[in-house]
N, C-alpha and C. Protein backbone atom coordinates (compact mmCIF):
# COMPACT_ATOMS: atom_id res chain seq x y z
N MET A 1 90.55 108.44 67.18
CA MET A 1 90.42 109.08 68.66
C MET A 1 89.91 108.00 69.38
N LYS A 2 88.81 107.37 68.62
CA LYS A 2 87.95 106.52 69.02
C LYS A 2 88.45 105.13 69.79
N LYS A 3 89.84 104.76 69.06
CA LYS A 3 90.50 103.44 69.56
C LYS A 3 91.43 104.21 71.03
N SER A 4 91.53 105.28 71.08
CA SER A 4 92.43 106.00 72.27
C SER A 4 91.28 105.95 73.10
N LEU A 5 89.80 106.17 72.91
CA LEU A 5 88.72 106.38 74.14
C LEU A 5 88.65 104.63 74.50
N ALA A 6 88.72 104.19 73.97
CA ALA A 6 88.56 102.57 74.02
C ALA A 6 89.41 101.88 74.83
N LEU A 7 90.66 102.24 74.53
CA LEU A 7 91.67 101.93 75.32
C LEU A 7 91.97 102.46 76.51
N VAL A 8 91.69 103.72 77.23
CA VAL A 8 91.62 104.21 78.10
C VAL A 8 90.61 103.66 78.85
N ALA A 9 89.11 103.14 78.64
CA ALA A 9 88.20 102.58 79.17
C ALA A 9 88.57 101.36 79.36
N GLY A 10 89.28 100.46 78.55
CA GLY A 10 89.61 99.30 79.09
C GLY A 10 90.66 99.05 79.79
N VAL A 11 91.68 100.05 80.25
CA VAL A 11 92.29 100.13 81.26
C VAL A 11 91.91 100.75 82.42
N ALA A 12 91.05 101.41 82.32
CA ALA A 12 90.03 101.72 83.52
C ALA A 12 89.42 100.46 83.91
N ALA A 13 88.86 99.97 83.16
CA ALA A 13 88.00 98.92 83.60
C ALA A 13 88.90 97.70 84.33
N LEU A 14 90.14 97.31 83.81
CA LEU A 14 91.22 96.62 84.40
C LEU A 14 91.34 96.86 85.80
N LEU A 15 91.74 97.98 86.17
CA LEU A 15 92.19 98.83 87.27
C LEU A 15 91.04 98.51 88.42
N LEU A 16 90.06 99.05 87.61
CA LEU A 16 88.43 98.48 88.76
C LEU A 16 88.50 97.28 89.46
N ALA A 17 88.76 96.30 88.24
CA ALA A 17 88.71 95.07 88.56
C ALA A 17 89.49 94.47 89.38
N ALA A 18 90.79 95.12 89.28
CA ALA A 18 92.06 94.83 90.33
C ALA A 18 91.50 95.39 91.52
N ALA A 19 91.12 96.67 91.86
CA ALA A 19 90.73 97.34 93.00
C ALA A 19 89.75 96.29 93.79
N THR A 20 88.81 95.80 92.71
CA THR A 20 87.66 95.25 93.48
C THR A 20 88.17 93.63 94.22
N VAL A 21 89.07 93.06 93.20
CA VAL A 21 89.63 91.65 93.80
C VAL A 21 90.09 92.18 95.16
N ARG A 22 91.29 92.81 95.19
CA ARG A 22 92.09 93.13 96.31
C ARG A 22 91.27 93.74 97.39
N SER A 23 90.07 94.36 97.22
CA SER A 23 89.41 94.61 98.52
C SER A 23 88.64 93.37 99.00
N LEU A 24 88.20 92.57 98.35
CA LEU A 24 87.39 91.39 98.63
C LEU A 24 88.27 90.41 99.23
N ALA A 25 89.89 90.36 98.98
CA ALA A 25 90.79 89.53 99.76
C ALA A 25 90.80 89.99 100.85
N ALA A 26 90.75 91.36 101.38
CA ALA A 26 90.93 91.87 102.52
C ALA A 26 89.85 91.59 103.37
N ASP A 27 88.76 91.04 103.09
CA ASP A 27 87.42 90.49 103.96
C ASP A 27 87.74 89.12 104.36
N GLU A 28 89.05 88.82 104.40
CA GLU A 28 89.08 87.28 104.46
C GLU A 28 89.01 87.10 106.41
N ASN A 29 88.41 86.20 106.88
CA ASN A 29 88.45 85.86 108.25
C ASN A 29 89.43 85.59 108.72
N VAL A 30 90.02 86.17 109.95
CA VAL A 30 91.12 85.98 110.65
C VAL A 30 90.80 85.24 112.20
N THR A 31 91.70 85.01 112.84
CA THR A 31 91.48 84.24 114.16
C THR A 31 92.41 85.34 114.94
N ILE A 32 91.72 85.75 116.11
CA ILE A 32 92.65 86.76 116.95
C ILE A 32 92.30 85.72 118.37
N THR A 33 93.68 85.61 119.05
CA THR A 33 93.51 85.09 120.83
C THR A 33 94.12 86.49 121.18
N GLY A 34 93.44 87.05 122.55
CA GLY A 34 93.72 87.73 123.40
C GLY A 34 92.99 88.13 124.55
N GLU A 35 93.15 88.95 125.15
CA GLU A 35 92.26 89.43 126.39
C GLU A 35 90.95 90.05 126.01
N GLY A 36 90.07 89.36 126.14
CA GLY A 36 88.53 90.21 125.91
C GLY A 36 88.40 91.14 127.13
N LYS A 37 88.23 92.23 126.85
CA LYS A 37 87.70 93.34 128.06
C LYS A 37 86.41 94.27 127.55
N CYS A 38 86.08 94.99 128.40
CA CYS A 38 85.34 96.18 128.07
C CYS A 38 85.77 97.48 127.83
N ALA A 39 85.57 98.12 126.74
CA ALA A 39 86.22 99.41 126.54
C ALA A 39 85.89 100.49 127.43
N LYS A 40 84.71 100.36 128.07
CA LYS A 40 84.39 101.20 129.05
C LYS A 40 84.76 101.16 130.50
N CYS A 41 84.16 99.73 130.99
CA CYS A 41 84.70 99.40 132.52
C CYS A 41 86.46 99.11 132.50
N SER A 42 86.72 98.67 131.60
CA SER A 42 88.03 98.26 132.07
C SER A 42 89.22 99.06 131.39
N LEU A 43 88.91 99.51 130.20
CA LEU A 43 90.05 100.55 129.65
C LEU A 43 89.54 101.96 129.64
N LYS A 44 88.41 102.46 130.17
CA LYS A 44 88.02 103.65 130.40
C LYS A 44 87.98 104.43 129.16
N GLU A 45 87.99 103.81 128.06
CA GLU A 45 88.13 104.37 126.84
C GLU A 45 86.70 105.11 126.09
N THR A 46 85.73 104.42 126.14
CA THR A 46 84.28 104.95 125.68
C THR A 46 83.00 105.15 126.65
N LYS A 47 82.18 105.90 126.09
CA LYS A 47 81.25 106.10 127.24
C LYS A 47 80.30 104.75 127.24
N GLU A 48 80.13 104.14 126.30
CA GLU A 48 79.15 102.92 126.62
C GLU A 48 80.07 101.79 126.28
N CYS A 49 79.61 100.43 127.09
CA CYS A 49 80.21 99.39 126.91
C CYS A 49 80.48 98.92 125.52
N GLN A 50 81.64 98.34 125.31
CA GLN A 50 81.78 97.58 123.96
C GLN A 50 82.81 96.55 124.30
N ASN A 51 82.70 95.41 123.58
CA ASN A 51 83.72 94.37 123.73
C ASN A 51 85.09 95.03 122.89
N VAL A 52 86.22 94.71 123.62
CA VAL A 52 87.66 94.69 122.83
C VAL A 52 88.42 93.25 122.95
N ILE A 53 89.40 93.04 122.00
CA ILE A 53 90.21 92.33 122.45
C ILE A 53 91.48 93.05 122.15
N GLN A 54 92.61 92.63 123.07
CA GLN A 54 93.72 93.02 123.21
C GLN A 54 94.93 91.88 122.90
N THR A 55 95.77 92.23 122.32
CA THR A 55 96.96 91.13 121.78
C THR A 55 98.31 91.99 121.82
N GLU A 56 99.13 91.06 121.86
CA GLU A 56 100.52 91.53 121.65
C GLU A 56 101.11 91.06 120.73
N LYS A 57 101.79 92.02 120.02
CA LYS A 57 102.49 91.90 118.43
C LYS A 57 103.57 92.68 118.91
N ASP A 58 104.82 91.92 118.46
CA ASP A 58 106.37 92.81 118.56
C ASP A 58 106.16 93.68 119.49
N GLY A 59 105.92 93.38 120.75
CA GLY A 59 106.18 94.30 121.73
C GLY A 59 105.02 95.43 122.21
N ARG A 60 104.18 95.48 120.98
CA ARG A 60 103.11 96.77 121.02
C ARG A 60 101.72 95.73 121.51
N THR A 61 101.23 96.30 122.20
CA THR A 61 99.60 96.09 122.40
C THR A 61 98.64 96.56 121.22
N ILE A 62 97.92 95.90 120.53
CA ILE A 62 97.01 95.90 119.59
C ILE A 62 95.58 95.95 120.07
N THR A 63 94.92 96.83 120.12
CA THR A 63 93.27 96.79 120.40
C THR A 63 92.53 96.33 119.31
N TYR A 64 91.60 95.48 119.40
CA TYR A 64 90.47 95.39 118.42
C TYR A 64 89.01 95.63 118.77
N TYR A 65 88.70 96.86 118.03
CA TYR A 65 87.32 96.98 119.12
C TYR A 65 85.90 95.91 118.09
N LEU A 66 85.43 95.33 119.04
CA LEU A 66 84.58 94.22 118.43
C LEU A 66 83.08 95.33 117.99
N ALA A 67 82.67 94.79 116.37
CA ALA A 67 81.71 95.03 116.15
C ALA A 67 80.53 94.81 116.87
N ASP A 68 79.20 95.77 117.43
CA ASP A 68 77.78 95.36 117.84
C ASP A 68 77.54 94.44 116.79
N ASN A 69 77.67 93.11 117.06
CA ASN A 69 76.61 92.07 116.18
C ASN A 69 76.18 91.18 116.95
N GLU A 70 75.77 90.10 116.32
CA GLU A 70 74.85 89.10 116.97
C GLU A 70 76.00 88.08 117.79
N ALA A 71 77.56 88.29 117.44
CA ALA A 71 78.16 87.36 117.96
C ALA A 71 78.81 87.85 119.16
N SER A 72 78.93 89.39 119.15
CA SER A 72 79.51 89.92 120.18
C SER A 72 78.52 90.51 121.50
N LYS A 73 77.13 90.85 121.01
CA LYS A 73 76.60 90.90 122.13
C LYS A 73 76.56 90.02 123.16
N PRO A 74 75.90 88.85 122.81
CA PRO A 74 76.09 87.94 123.89
C PRO A 74 77.11 88.07 124.93
N PHE A 75 78.14 88.11 124.25
CA PHE A 75 79.77 87.70 124.98
C PHE A 75 79.97 88.36 125.86
N HIS A 76 79.43 89.67 125.85
CA HIS A 76 79.73 90.94 126.61
C HIS A 76 79.91 90.96 127.91
N LYS A 77 78.77 89.94 128.77
CA LYS A 77 78.77 90.08 130.13
C LYS A 77 79.83 88.84 130.64
N GLN A 78 80.55 88.17 129.74
CA GLN A 78 81.63 87.32 130.28
C GLN A 78 82.81 88.39 130.48
N VAL A 79 82.99 89.59 129.68
CA VAL A 79 83.93 90.49 129.76
C VAL A 79 83.94 91.76 130.46
N CYS A 80 82.59 91.90 131.07
CA CYS A 80 82.36 93.39 131.30
C CYS A 80 83.09 93.85 132.70
N GLU A 81 83.07 92.87 133.27
CA GLU A 81 83.32 93.13 134.81
C GLU A 81 85.12 92.40 134.87
N GLN A 82 85.44 91.71 134.08
CA GLN A 82 86.71 90.77 134.33
C GLN A 82 86.94 90.42 133.02
N ALA A 83 88.60 90.45 132.67
CA ALA A 83 89.01 90.49 131.59
C ALA A 83 88.99 88.93 131.25
N LYS A 84 89.14 88.22 130.15
CA LYS A 84 89.30 86.77 130.20
C LYS A 84 89.77 86.66 128.75
N LYS A 85 90.81 85.67 128.54
CA LYS A 85 91.42 85.08 127.23
C LYS A 85 90.24 84.37 126.75
N VAL A 86 90.28 85.14 125.40
CA VAL A 86 89.05 84.54 124.22
C VAL A 86 90.10 84.60 122.75
N THR A 87 89.03 84.08 121.91
CA THR A 87 89.61 83.65 120.74
C THR A 87 88.40 83.93 119.96
N ALA A 88 88.81 85.17 118.85
CA ALA A 88 87.38 85.64 118.12
C ALA A 88 87.97 85.26 116.69
N THR A 89 86.82 85.17 115.78
CA THR A 89 86.99 84.66 114.27
C THR A 89 86.12 85.86 113.73
N GLY A 90 86.71 86.36 112.41
CA GLY A 90 85.83 87.57 111.67
C GLY A 90 86.81 88.14 110.96
N THR A 91 86.31 89.27 110.57
CA THR A 91 86.94 90.06 109.41
C THR A 91 87.53 91.42 110.11
N VAL A 92 88.67 91.82 109.77
CA VAL A 92 89.20 93.07 110.37
C VAL A 92 89.31 94.15 109.36
N LYS A 93 89.14 95.30 109.73
CA LYS A 93 89.16 96.53 109.05
C LYS A 93 89.40 97.94 110.05
N GLN A 94 90.03 98.87 109.34
CA GLN A 94 90.33 100.01 109.98
C GLN A 94 89.40 101.17 109.96
N VAL A 95 88.40 101.54 111.04
CA VAL A 95 87.72 102.45 111.28
C VAL A 95 87.89 103.78 112.07
N ASN A 96 87.95 104.78 111.55
CA ASN A 96 88.21 105.63 112.31
C ASN A 96 89.76 105.74 113.13
N GLY A 97 90.43 105.15 112.47
CA GLY A 97 92.11 104.98 113.19
C GLY A 97 92.07 104.19 114.02
N LYS A 98 90.96 102.89 114.41
CA LYS A 98 90.82 101.89 115.31
C LYS A 98 90.56 100.59 114.45
N MET A 99 91.25 99.43 115.10
CA MET A 99 91.07 97.96 114.21
C MET A 99 89.68 97.78 114.73
N GLU A 100 88.75 97.50 113.75
CA GLU A 100 87.39 96.66 114.29
C GLU A 100 87.48 95.45 113.67
N LEU A 101 86.89 94.58 114.57
CA LEU A 101 86.71 93.16 114.24
C LEU A 101 85.09 92.71 114.45
N ALA A 102 84.74 92.31 113.00
CA ALA A 102 83.19 92.05 112.95
C ALA A 102 83.31 90.67 112.89
N ALA A 103 83.13 90.28 114.38
CA ALA A 103 83.24 88.77 114.82
C ALA A 103 82.18 87.99 114.34
N ILE A 104 82.28 86.63 113.96
CA ILE A 104 81.56 85.75 113.34
C ILE A 104 81.16 84.49 114.74
N LYS A 105 82.70 84.54 115.65
CA LYS A 105 82.51 83.40 116.37
C LYS A 105 83.48 83.65 117.78
N ILE A 106 83.32 83.80 118.71
CA ILE A 106 83.96 84.36 120.12
C ILE A 106 83.71 83.21 121.05
N GLU A 107 84.73 82.83 121.62
CA GLU A 107 84.86 81.78 122.55
C GLU A 107 85.86 81.93 123.71
N GLU A 108 85.59 81.71 124.90
CA GLU A 108 86.71 81.56 125.84
C GLU A 108 87.82 80.72 125.31
N ALA A 109 89.18 81.30 125.48
CA ALA A 109 90.42 80.39 124.97
C ALA A 109 90.53 79.52 126.14
N LYS A 110 91.16 78.27 125.37
CA LYS A 110 91.60 77.06 126.46
C LYS A 110 92.98 77.11 126.68
């Protein structure tokens, strides 16, 4: 009985370790280039201003909502009234069915 319990605990520990490694790999930085816009002023999707980047992939428009952080706040003035081509680097995750980019760097694309 003790051997069976030890075996089950060992397998559970391995599965937990594998899940942790997989989730850490998902937090890798990605670079996205697209149209920087305001979700409120340009897209009419939110009640408050929020940066988004829209890209085209396989004929579909993908909208990345930028997390409200030190990188995205100062950049909002540049895209609130008028869309601009931007490049952003950060981590992407899905939040409430939407893609969210926690940017660490945003700049106007050249």
